[in-house]
Amino acid sequence: MALNLIKMAVGVGDFAELGRLQKERRKERGRYCFFTRNTPRRAEELLDGGSIYWVIKGQVQARQLLRRFKAVDDEEGDRYCIVEYDRRLMPTLWQPRRAFQGWRYLEAKDAPGDRPAQAALDDNLPPAMARELQALGLL
């Protein structure tokens, strides 16, 4: 089973906004990526089919396949890591998640599944309504 990362999409309101923001950043950076201070120690496991899961407004809502980690030094000699991921943003079944800083490892058994293509879900549902529908098995 693949190992994954999970990260907060801070300031992002919904799935569509995450996609738009990533496209804007790709134009600036030339790739789909984010920057972090620490290179994952379990990089080999992550790159063996792992994904980055995005938490939006307290719910895991999306994922993207991980592509590469690149450790670099900035002008002051401080080391950081570029985490590159696939451009395809895949919606997941919503899963509640408390706030945290940085990124965390996410075992495959704990990761939400992909949302079925035929699922009729408005990505702009209020989170409380989405949680209630999910608890009823309707989402």
N, C-alpha and C. Protein backbone atom coordinates (compact mmCIF):
# COMPACT_ATOMS: atom_id res chain seq x y z
N MET A 1 0.84 -1.19 0.00
CA MET A 1 0.00 0.00 0.00
C MET A 1 0.88 1.24 0.00
N ALA A 2 0.46 2.22 -0.76
CA ALA A 2 1.22 3.46 -0.88
C ALA A 2 1.05 4.33 0.36
N LEU A 3 2.07 5.07 0.66
CA LEU A 3 2.04 6.06 1.73
C LEU A 3 1.70 7.40 1.09
N ASN A 4 0.96 8.24 1.79
CA ASN A 4 0.52 9.52 1.27
C ASN A 4 0.91 10.66 2.20
N LEU A 5 0.77 11.88 1.70
CA LEU A 5 0.90 13.08 2.50
C LEU A 5 -0.47 13.72 2.61
N ILE A 6 -0.67 14.51 3.67
CA ILE A 6 -1.88 15.30 3.82
C ILE A 6 -1.46 16.71 4.19
N LYS A 7 -2.13 17.71 3.62
CA LYS A 7 -1.75 19.10 3.83
C LYS A 7 -3.00 19.97 3.82
N MET A 8 -2.98 21.02 4.64
CA MET A 8 -4.08 21.98 4.68
C MET A 8 -3.97 22.90 3.46
N ALA A 9 -5.09 23.16 2.81
CA ALA A 9 -5.16 24.14 1.72
C ALA A 9 -5.65 25.44 2.36
N VAL A 10 -4.73 26.12 3.01
CA VAL A 10 -5.05 27.32 3.81
C VAL A 10 -5.59 28.44 2.92
N GLY A 11 -6.72 29.01 3.34
CA GLY A 11 -7.30 30.13 2.61
C GLY A 11 -8.12 29.74 1.40
N VAL A 12 -8.22 28.44 1.12
CA VAL A 12 -8.97 27.96 -0.04
C VAL A 12 -10.40 27.66 0.41
N GLY A 13 -11.38 28.13 -0.38
CA GLY A 13 -12.77 27.98 0.00
C GLY A 13 -13.44 26.71 -0.49
N ASP A 14 -13.00 26.18 -1.65
CA ASP A 14 -13.63 24.99 -2.18
C ASP A 14 -12.71 24.32 -3.20
N PHE A 15 -13.14 23.17 -3.70
CA PHE A 15 -12.38 22.37 -4.65
C PHE A 15 -12.01 23.17 -5.89
N ALA A 16 -12.98 23.88 -6.47
CA ALA A 16 -12.73 24.65 -7.70
C ALA A 16 -11.68 25.73 -7.47
N GLU A 17 -11.73 26.39 -6.31
CA GLU A 17 -10.76 27.43 -6.02
C GLU A 17 -9.35 26.85 -5.90
N LEU A 18 -9.22 25.67 -5.31
CA LEU A 18 -7.91 25.02 -5.22
C LEU A 18 -7.34 24.80 -6.62
N GLY A 19 -8.17 24.33 -7.54
CA GLY A 19 -7.72 24.12 -8.92
C GLY A 19 -7.27 25.40 -9.59
N ARG A 20 -8.05 26.47 -9.41
CA ARG A 20 -7.69 27.77 -10.00
C ARG A 20 -6.37 28.30 -9.40
N LEU A 21 -6.24 28.21 -8.11
CA LEU A 21 -5.04 28.70 -7.44
C LEU A 21 -3.81 27.93 -7.89
N GLN A 22 -3.93 26.62 -8.03
CA GLN A 22 -2.79 25.82 -8.49
C GLN A 22 -2.38 26.17 -9.91
N LYS A 23 -3.34 26.46 -10.77
CA LYS A 23 -3.01 26.85 -12.14
C LYS A 23 -2.27 28.19 -12.16
N GLU A 24 -2.70 29.12 -11.31
CA GLU A 24 -2.01 30.41 -11.22
C GLU A 24 -0.57 30.23 -10.73
N ARG A 25 -0.40 29.41 -9.70
CA ARG A 25 0.94 29.18 -9.17
C ARG A 25 1.83 28.44 -10.15
N ARG A 26 1.24 27.57 -10.97
CA ARG A 26 2.03 26.87 -11.97
C ARG A 26 2.61 27.86 -12.98
N LYS A 27 1.82 28.87 -13.33
CA LYS A 27 2.32 29.89 -14.26
C LYS A 27 3.52 30.61 -13.66
N GLU A 28 3.48 30.87 -12.36
CA GLU A 28 4.58 31.56 -11.68
C GLU A 28 5.80 30.66 -11.52
N ARG A 29 5.57 29.40 -11.14
CA ARG A 29 6.65 28.49 -10.75
C ARG A 29 7.10 27.55 -11.86
N GLY A 30 6.28 27.38 -12.88
CA GLY A 30 6.63 26.47 -13.96
C GLY A 30 6.32 25.01 -13.67
N ARG A 31 5.68 24.72 -12.55
CA ARG A 31 5.33 23.35 -12.19
C ARG A 31 4.28 23.36 -11.09
N TYR A 32 3.63 22.25 -10.91
CA TYR A 32 2.67 22.10 -9.81
C TYR A 32 3.47 21.64 -8.59
N CYS A 33 3.55 22.51 -7.58
CA CYS A 33 4.39 22.20 -6.43
C CYS A 33 4.04 23.08 -5.23
N PHE A 34 4.55 22.67 -4.07
CA PHE A 34 4.57 23.55 -2.91
C PHE A 34 5.94 23.40 -2.26
N PHE A 35 6.27 24.33 -1.40
CA PHE A 35 7.57 24.36 -0.74
C PHE A 35 7.40 24.04 0.73
N THR A 36 8.35 23.31 1.29
CA THR A 36 8.33 22.96 2.71
C THR A 36 9.76 22.93 3.24
N ARG A 37 9.89 23.11 4.53
CA ARG A 37 11.23 23.11 5.13
C ARG A 37 11.86 21.73 5.18
N ASN A 38 11.03 20.71 5.40
CA ASN A 38 11.56 19.36 5.63
C ASN A 38 11.27 18.43 4.46
N THR A 39 12.30 17.74 4.03
CA THR A 39 12.14 16.71 3.01
C THR A 39 11.60 15.45 3.70
N PRO A 40 10.55 14.86 3.17
CA PRO A 40 10.03 13.64 3.80
C PRO A 40 11.09 12.55 3.87
N ARG A 41 11.23 11.94 5.01
CA ARG A 41 12.21 10.86 5.19
C ARG A 41 11.75 9.58 4.50
N ARG A 42 10.45 9.47 4.28
CA ARG A 42 9.90 8.26 3.66
C ARG A 42 9.56 8.52 2.19
N ALA A 43 10.40 9.32 1.53
CA ALA A 43 10.15 9.74 0.15
C ALA A 43 9.97 8.56 -0.80
N GLU A 44 10.76 7.52 -0.64
CA GLU A 44 10.67 6.37 -1.53
C GLU A 44 9.28 5.73 -1.47
N GLU A 45 8.74 5.59 -0.27
CA GLU A 45 7.39 5.03 -0.10
C GLU A 45 6.34 5.96 -0.71
N LEU A 46 6.52 7.26 -0.52
CA LEU A 46 5.56 8.24 -1.04
C LEU A 46 5.51 8.23 -2.56
N LEU A 47 6.67 8.07 -3.18
CA LEU A 47 6.73 8.12 -4.65
C LEU A 47 6.34 6.80 -5.30
N ASP A 48 6.02 5.81 -4.50
CA ASP A 48 5.57 4.51 -5.00
C ASP A 48 4.04 4.49 -5.08
N GLY A 49 3.46 5.51 -5.75
CA GLY A 49 2.02 5.57 -5.94
C GLY A 49 1.28 6.42 -4.94
N GLY A 50 1.99 7.17 -4.09
CA GLY A 50 1.36 8.00 -3.08
C GLY A 50 0.81 9.30 -3.65
N SER A 51 -0.07 9.92 -2.87
CA SER A 51 -0.72 11.18 -3.26
C SER A 51 -0.58 12.22 -2.17
N ILE A 52 -0.83 13.46 -2.53
CA ILE A 52 -0.98 14.55 -1.57
C ILE A 52 -2.49 14.76 -1.44
N TYR A 53 -3.00 14.66 -0.21
CA TYR A 53 -4.42 14.89 0.06
C TYR A 53 -4.57 16.30 0.60
N TRP A 54 -5.57 17.03 0.11
CA TRP A 54 -5.79 18.42 0.47
C TRP A 54 -7.00 18.57 1.38
N VAL A 55 -6.79 19.25 2.52
CA VAL A 55 -7.86 19.55 3.46
C VAL A 55 -8.36 20.96 3.15
N ILE A 56 -9.64 21.06 2.82
CA ILE A 56 -10.28 22.34 2.49
C ILE A 56 -11.43 22.54 3.46
N LYS A 57 -11.36 23.63 4.22
CA LYS A 57 -12.44 23.97 5.16
C LYS A 57 -12.78 22.80 6.09
N GLY A 58 -11.75 22.15 6.64
CA GLY A 58 -11.95 21.10 7.62
C GLY A 58 -12.32 19.73 7.07
N GLN A 59 -12.29 19.57 5.73
CA GLN A 59 -12.62 18.29 5.10
C GLN A 59 -11.56 17.93 4.06
N VAL A 60 -11.09 16.68 4.08
CA VAL A 60 -10.27 16.21 2.97
C VAL A 60 -11.20 16.16 1.77
N GLN A 61 -10.83 16.87 0.69
CA GLN A 61 -11.72 16.95 -0.46
C GLN A 61 -11.05 16.60 -1.79
N ALA A 62 -9.72 16.51 -1.80
CA ALA A 62 -9.03 16.32 -3.08
C ALA A 62 -7.69 15.64 -2.87
N ARG A 63 -7.18 15.09 -3.97
CA ARG A 63 -5.84 14.51 -3.93
C ARG A 63 -5.17 14.66 -5.29
N GLN A 64 -3.83 14.58 -5.26
CA GLN A 64 -3.03 14.60 -6.48
C GLN A 64 -1.86 13.66 -6.29
N LEU A 65 -1.48 12.94 -7.34
CA LEU A 65 -0.36 12.01 -7.26
C LEU A 65 0.93 12.78 -7.02
N LEU A 66 1.78 12.24 -6.16
CA LEU A 66 3.09 12.83 -5.91
C LEU A 66 4.04 12.45 -7.04
N ARG A 67 4.86 13.39 -7.46
CA ARG A 67 5.78 13.16 -8.58
C ARG A 67 7.25 13.14 -8.16
N ARG A 68 7.63 14.10 -7.29
CA ARG A 68 9.08 14.21 -7.00
C ARG A 68 9.30 15.12 -5.81
N PHE A 69 10.41 14.89 -5.12
CA PHE A 69 10.89 15.77 -4.05
C PHE A 69 12.27 16.26 -4.45
N LYS A 70 12.47 17.55 -4.28
CA LYS A 70 13.78 18.10 -4.65
C LYS A 70 14.26 19.01 -3.53
N ALA A 71 15.36 18.63 -2.90
CA ALA A 71 15.96 19.44 -1.84
C ALA A 71 16.82 20.52 -2.48
N VAL A 72 16.64 21.76 -2.06
CA VAL A 72 17.41 22.89 -2.59
C VAL A 72 17.81 23.82 -1.44
N ASP A 73 18.81 24.65 -1.72
CA ASP A 73 19.26 25.65 -0.76
C ASP A 73 18.88 27.03 -1.27
N ASP A 74 18.42 27.90 -0.37
CA ASP A 74 18.10 29.27 -0.78
C ASP A 74 19.35 30.15 -0.71
N GLU A 75 19.16 31.45 -0.96
CA GLU A 75 20.28 32.38 -1.01
C GLU A 75 21.05 32.47 0.31
N GLU A 76 20.36 32.26 1.43
CA GLU A 76 21.00 32.31 2.75
C GLU A 76 21.61 30.98 3.16
N GLY A 77 21.48 29.97 2.31
CA GLY A 77 22.03 28.66 2.63
C GLY A 77 21.08 27.76 3.40
N ASP A 78 19.84 28.20 3.59
CA ASP A 78 18.85 27.37 4.28
C ASP A 78 18.29 26.35 3.30
N ARG A 79 18.13 25.14 3.79
CA ARG A 79 17.63 24.05 2.95
C ARG A 79 16.12 23.96 3.03
N TYR A 80 15.48 23.70 1.90
CA TYR A 80 14.04 23.45 1.85
C TYR A 80 13.77 22.42 0.76
N CYS A 81 12.53 21.98 0.67
CA CYS A 81 12.15 20.92 -0.26
C CYS A 81 11.02 21.39 -1.16
N ILE A 82 11.15 21.09 -2.44
CA ILE A 82 10.07 21.33 -3.40
C ILE A 82 9.33 20.00 -3.56
N VAL A 83 8.03 20.02 -3.29
CA VAL A 83 7.20 18.83 -3.44
C VAL A 83 6.39 19.02 -4.72
N GLU A 84 6.68 18.20 -5.71
CA GLU A 84 5.98 18.28 -6.99
C GLU A 84 4.89 17.22 -7.05
N TYR A 85 3.74 17.61 -7.63
CA TYR A 85 2.61 16.70 -7.75
C TYR A 85 1.98 16.84 -9.12
N ASP A 86 1.18 15.86 -9.48
CA ASP A 86 0.51 15.81 -10.77
C ASP A 86 -0.49 16.95 -10.92
N ARG A 87 -0.71 17.41 -12.13
CA ARG A 87 -1.64 18.51 -12.36
C ARG A 87 -3.09 18.09 -12.16
N ARG A 88 -3.40 16.80 -12.31
CA ARG A 88 -4.78 16.32 -12.21
C ARG A 88 -5.24 16.32 -10.76
N LEU A 89 -6.26 17.11 -10.48
CA LEU A 89 -6.84 17.24 -9.16
C LEU A 89 -8.07 16.33 -9.10
N MET A 90 -8.01 15.32 -8.22
CA MET A 90 -9.08 14.34 -8.14
C MET A 90 -9.92 14.56 -6.89
N PRO A 91 -11.24 14.67 -7.02
CA PRO A 91 -12.09 14.83 -5.84
C PRO A 91 -12.15 13.53 -5.05
N THR A 92 -12.19 13.65 -3.74
CA THR A 92 -12.30 12.48 -2.87
C THR A 92 -13.62 12.54 -2.11
N LEU A 93 -13.96 11.44 -1.50
CA LEU A 93 -15.06 11.46 -0.55
C LEU A 93 -14.61 12.36 0.59
N TRP A 94 -15.50 13.16 1.10
CA TRP A 94 -15.12 14.09 2.16
C TRP A 94 -14.85 13.33 3.45
N GLN A 95 -13.80 13.78 4.13
CA GLN A 95 -13.43 13.18 5.41
C GLN A 95 -13.02 14.32 6.34
N PRO A 96 -13.66 14.44 7.51
CA PRO A 96 -13.31 15.53 8.42
C PRO A 96 -11.87 15.42 8.91
N ARG A 97 -11.23 16.57 9.09
CA ARG A 97 -9.84 16.59 9.56
C ARG A 97 -9.61 17.86 10.34
N ARG A 98 -9.07 17.72 11.53
CA ARG A 98 -8.73 18.90 12.35
C ARG A 98 -7.53 19.63 11.76
N ALA A 99 -7.42 20.89 12.11
CA ALA A 99 -6.32 21.72 11.61
C ALA A 99 -4.98 21.23 12.15
N PHE A 100 -3.94 21.38 11.35
CA PHE A 100 -2.57 21.06 11.73
C PHE A 100 -1.65 21.93 10.88
N GLN A 101 -0.39 22.00 11.27
CA GLN A 101 0.57 22.80 10.50
C GLN A 101 1.43 21.89 9.64
N GLY A 102 1.87 22.42 8.54
CA GLY A 102 2.77 21.68 7.66
C GLY A 102 2.06 20.54 6.95
N TRP A 103 2.72 19.43 6.84
CA TRP A 103 2.14 18.25 6.23
C TRP A 103 2.33 17.08 7.19
N ARG A 104 1.58 16.02 6.95
CA ARG A 104 1.67 14.81 7.76
C ARG A 104 1.63 13.61 6.81
N TYR A 105 2.15 12.49 7.30
CA TYR A 105 2.00 11.24 6.56
C TYR A 105 0.56 10.76 6.73
N LEU A 106 0.04 10.09 5.72
CA LEU A 106 -1.31 9.53 5.75
C LEU A 106 -1.23 8.12 5.19
N GLU A 107 -1.48 7.15 6.05
CA GLU A 107 -1.46 5.75 5.63
C GLU A 107 -2.62 5.50 4.66
N ALA A 108 -2.42 4.61 3.72
CA ALA A 108 -3.45 4.30 2.71
C ALA A 108 -4.75 3.86 3.37
N LYS A 109 -4.67 3.11 4.45
CA LYS A 109 -5.88 2.62 5.12
C LYS A 109 -6.71 3.75 5.73
N ASP A 110 -6.09 4.89 5.99
CA ASP A 110 -6.78 6.04 6.59
C ASP A 110 -7.22 7.09 5.57
N ALA A 111 -6.82 6.91 4.33
CA ALA A 111 -7.12 7.91 3.29
C ALA A 111 -8.53 7.72 2.74
N PRO A 112 -9.23 8.83 2.45
CA PRO A 112 -10.56 8.69 1.86
C PRO A 112 -10.45 8.20 0.42
N GLY A 113 -11.50 7.52 -0.03
CA GLY A 113 -11.53 7.05 -1.41
C GLY A 113 -11.83 8.18 -2.38
N ASP A 114 -11.60 7.91 -3.64
CA ASP A 114 -11.96 8.88 -4.68
C ASP A 114 -13.48 8.96 -4.78
N ARG A 115 -13.97 10.14 -5.08
CA ARG A 115 -15.40 10.32 -5.25
C ARG A 115 -15.81 9.71 -6.59
N PRO A 116 -16.84 8.87 -6.59
CA PRO A 116 -17.27 8.26 -7.85
C PRO A 116 -17.68 9.34 -8.86
N ALA A 117 -17.39 9.09 -10.12
CA ALA A 117 -17.70 10.06 -11.17
C ALA A 117 -19.19 10.36 -11.24
N GLN A 118 -20.02 9.38 -10.95
CA GLN A 118 -21.46 9.58 -11.05
C GLN A 118 -22.05 10.24 -9.82
N ALA A 119 -21.25 10.49 -8.78
CA ALA A 119 -21.77 11.12 -7.56
C ALA A 119 -22.22 12.54 -7.87
N ALA A 120 -23.43 12.85 -7.52
CA ALA A 120 -23.97 14.19 -7.74
C ALA A 120 -23.72 15.02 -6.49
N LEU A 121 -22.60 15.69 -6.48
CA LEU A 121 -22.23 16.51 -5.32
C LEU A 121 -21.87 17.90 -5.79
N ASP A 122 -22.50 18.87 -5.24
CA ASP A 122 -22.14 20.26 -5.50
C ASP A 122 -20.96 20.58 -4.59
N ASP A 123 -19.81 20.91 -5.17
CA ASP A 123 -18.62 21.20 -4.37
C ASP A 123 -18.78 22.42 -3.48
N ASN A 124 -19.85 23.16 -3.67
CA ASN A 124 -20.06 24.35 -2.86
C ASN A 124 -21.09 24.13 -1.75
N LEU A 125 -21.39 22.88 -1.44
CA LEU A 125 -22.29 22.60 -0.32
C LEU A 125 -21.70 23.15 0.96
N PRO A 126 -22.52 23.68 1.84
CA PRO A 126 -22.00 24.08 3.15
C PRO A 126 -21.42 22.85 3.86
N PRO A 127 -20.28 22.98 4.52
CA PRO A 127 -19.64 21.83 5.16
C PRO A 127 -20.56 21.07 6.12
N ALA A 128 -21.39 21.78 6.89
CA ALA A 128 -22.28 21.10 7.83
C ALA A 128 -23.28 20.21 7.08
N MET A 129 -23.81 20.71 5.98
CA MET A 129 -24.75 19.91 5.19
C MET A 129 -24.04 18.71 4.57
N ALA A 130 -22.84 18.93 4.05
CA ALA A 130 -22.08 17.82 3.44
C ALA A 130 -21.79 16.74 4.48
N ARG A 131 -21.42 17.15 5.71
CA ARG A 131 -21.17 16.16 6.78
C ARG A 131 -22.42 15.37 7.11
N GLU A 132 -23.56 16.05 7.17
CA GLU A 132 -24.82 15.38 7.48
C GLU A 132 -25.20 14.40 6.38
N LEU A 133 -25.06 14.81 5.12
CA LEU A 133 -25.35 13.91 4.02
C LEU A 133 -24.43 12.70 4.01
N GLN A 134 -23.16 12.95 4.36
CA GLN A 134 -22.19 11.86 4.40
C GLN A 134 -22.56 10.89 5.53
N ALA A 135 -22.95 11.40 6.67
CA ALA A 135 -23.34 10.54 7.80
C ALA A 135 -24.57 9.69 7.46
N LEU A 136 -25.44 10.21 6.60
CA LEU A 136 -26.63 9.47 6.17
C LEU A 136 -26.33 8.50 5.02
N GLY A 137 -25.09 8.53 4.54
CA GLY A 137 -24.69 7.67 3.44
C GLY A 137 -25.16 8.16 2.09
N LEU A 138 -25.50 9.42 2.00
CA LEU A 138 -25.98 9.99 0.75
C LEU A 138 -24.88 10.72 -0.02
N LEU A 139 -23.74 10.78 0.51
CA LEU A 139 -22.63 11.51 -0.11
C LEU A 139 -21.41 10.63 -0.15
